[in-house]
Amino acid sequence: MLSRLCFLIGLLFLSLFGVGIMFYIWMYMLDPSFENDLFKKILEWFLILSFAFFGISAGVKVRSRNNQ
């Protein structure tokens, strides 16, 4: 249960990262001088959090298999 929850949260952050990348490309196409460091940091944290939750999900799954 916890593994699925962490996996879904990781998937949420990964999808937010994907939407953010598409938005960033769209904004760059509209204005080539578009440069926003805060936006880049937010995208970076979405990616970090998604991999962190995927790692937690895998760790919980492996640990639950070892306990059986």
C-alpha atoms as a PDB file:
ATOM      1  CA  MET A   1       0.000   0.000   0.000  1.00  0.00           C
ATOM      2  CA  LEU A   2       2.744   2.452   0.986  1.00  0.00           C
ATOM      3  CA  SER A   3       4.739   1.400  -2.063  1.00  0.00           C
ATOM      4  CA  ARG A   4       1.832   2.205  -4.393  1.00  0.00           C
ATOM      5  CA  LEU A   5       1.232   5.537  -2.686  1.00  0.00           C
ATOM      6  CA  CYS A   6       4.888   6.557  -3.051  1.00  0.00           C
ATOM      7  CA  PHE A   7       4.875   5.381  -6.666  1.00  0.00           C
ATOM      8  CA  LEU A   8       1.785   7.474  -7.439  1.00  0.00           C
ATOM      9  CA  ILE A   9       3.267  10.538  -5.742  1.00  0.00           C
ATOM     10  CA  GLY A  10       6.456  10.039  -7.764  1.00  0.00           C
ATOM     11  CA  LEU A  11       4.387   9.732 -10.920  1.00  0.00           C
ATOM     12  CA  LEU A  12       2.578  12.959 -10.025  1.00  0.00           C
ATOM     13  CA  PHE A  13       5.850  14.862  -9.623  1.00  0.00           C
ATOM     14  CA  LEU A  14       7.224  13.357 -12.840  1.00  0.00           C
ATOM     15  CA  SER A  15       4.099  14.410 -14.747  1.00  0.00           C
ATOM     16  CA  LEU A  16       4.349  17.921 -13.262  1.00  0.00           C
ATOM     17  CA  PHE A  17       7.963  17.998 -14.442  1.00  0.00           C
ATOM     18  CA  GLY A  18       6.850  16.994 -17.952  1.00  0.00           C
ATOM     19  CA  VAL A  19       4.137  19.654 -18.041  1.00  0.00           C
ATOM     20  CA  GLY A  20       6.632  22.212 -16.765  1.00  0.00           C
ATOM     21  CA  ILE A  21       9.138  21.319 -19.485  1.00  0.00           C
ATOM     22  CA  MET A  22       6.430  21.666 -22.148  1.00  0.00           C
ATOM     23  CA  PHE A  23       5.383  25.036 -20.684  1.00  0.00           C
ATOM     24  CA  TYR A  24       9.014  26.194 -20.591  1.00  0.00           C
ATOM     25  CA  ILE A  25       9.534  25.237 -24.253  1.00  0.00           C
ATOM     26  CA  TRP A  26       6.272  26.963 -25.199  1.00  0.00           C
ATOM     27  CA  MET A  27       7.306  30.160 -23.381  1.00  0.00           C
ATOM     28  CA  TYR A  28      10.742  30.017 -25.012  1.00  0.00           C
ATOM     29  CA  MET A  29       9.130  29.677 -28.459  1.00  0.00           C
ATOM     30  CA  LEU A  30       6.983  32.756 -27.794  1.00  0.00           C
ATOM     31  CA  ASP A  31       9.889  34.797 -26.419  1.00  0.00           C
ATOM     32  CA  PRO A  32      13.440  33.550 -27.085  1.00  0.00           C
ATOM     33  CA  SER A  33      14.798  35.834 -24.359  1.00  0.00           C
ATOM     34  CA  PHE A  34      12.648  34.028 -21.748  1.00  0.00           C
ATOM     35  CA  GLU A  35      14.906  33.083 -18.849  1.00  0.00           C
ATOM     36  CA  ASN A  36      13.497  32.315 -15.418  1.00  0.00           C
ATOM     37  CA  ASP A  37      15.757  30.828 -12.746  1.00  0.00           C
ATOM     38  CA  LEU A  38      12.929  30.230 -10.259  1.00  0.00           C
ATOM     39  CA  PHE A  39      11.031  28.218 -12.861  1.00  0.00           C
ATOM     40  CA  LYS A  40      14.150  26.123 -13.533  1.00  0.00           C
ATOM     41  CA  LYS A  41      14.587  25.473  -9.794  1.00  0.00           C
ATOM     42  CA  ILE A  42      10.958  24.364  -9.464  1.00  0.00           C
ATOM     43  CA  LEU A  43      11.392  21.961 -12.396  1.00  0.00           C
ATOM     44  CA  GLU A  44      14.585  20.648 -10.829  1.00  0.00           C
ATOM     45  CA  TRP A  45      12.788  19.959  -7.540  1.00  0.00           C
ATOM     46  CA  PHE A  46       9.913  18.201  -9.327  1.00  0.00           C
ATOM     47  CA  LEU A  47      12.459  15.867 -10.925  1.00  0.00           C
ATOM     48  CA  ILE A  48      14.336  15.302  -7.645  1.00  0.00           C
ATOM     49  CA  LEU A  49      11.124  14.598  -5.720  1.00  0.00           C
ATOM     50  CA  SER A  50       9.823  12.208  -8.365  1.00  0.00           C
ATOM     51  CA  PHE A  51      13.008  10.112  -8.264  1.00  0.00           C
ATOM     52  CA  ALA A  52      13.027  10.257  -4.459  1.00  0.00           C
ATOM     53  CA  PHE A  53       9.493   8.877  -4.254  1.00  0.00           C
ATOM     54  CA  PHE A  54      10.251   6.232  -6.889  1.00  0.00           C
ATOM     55  CA  GLY A  55      13.247   5.195  -4.785  1.00  0.00           C
ATOM     56  CA  ILE A  56      11.151   5.040  -1.618  1.00  0.00           C
ATOM     57  CA  SER A  57       8.552   2.998  -3.482  1.00  0.00           C
ATOM     58  CA  ALA A  58      11.165   0.494  -4.657  1.00  0.00           C
ATOM     59  CA  GLY A  59      12.738   0.330  -1.205  1.00  0.00           C
ATOM     60  CA  VAL A  60       9.411  -0.330   0.497  1.00  0.00           C
ATOM     61  CA  LYS A  61       8.570  -3.015  -2.058  1.00  0.00           C
ATOM     62  CA  VAL A  62      11.925  -4.796  -1.590  1.00  0.00           C
ATOM     63  CA  ARG A  63      11.686  -4.544   2.182  1.00  0.00           C
ATOM     64  CA  SER A  64       8.159  -5.990   2.220  1.00  0.00           C
ATOM     65  CA  ARG A  65       9.311  -8.921   0.056  1.00  0.00           C
ATOM     66  CA  ASN A  66      12.199  -9.632   2.427  1.00  0.00           C
ATOM     67  CA  ASN A  67       9.877  -9.667   5.449  1.00  0.00           C
ATOM     68  CA  GLN A  68       7.590 -12.342   3.995  1.00  0.00           C
END
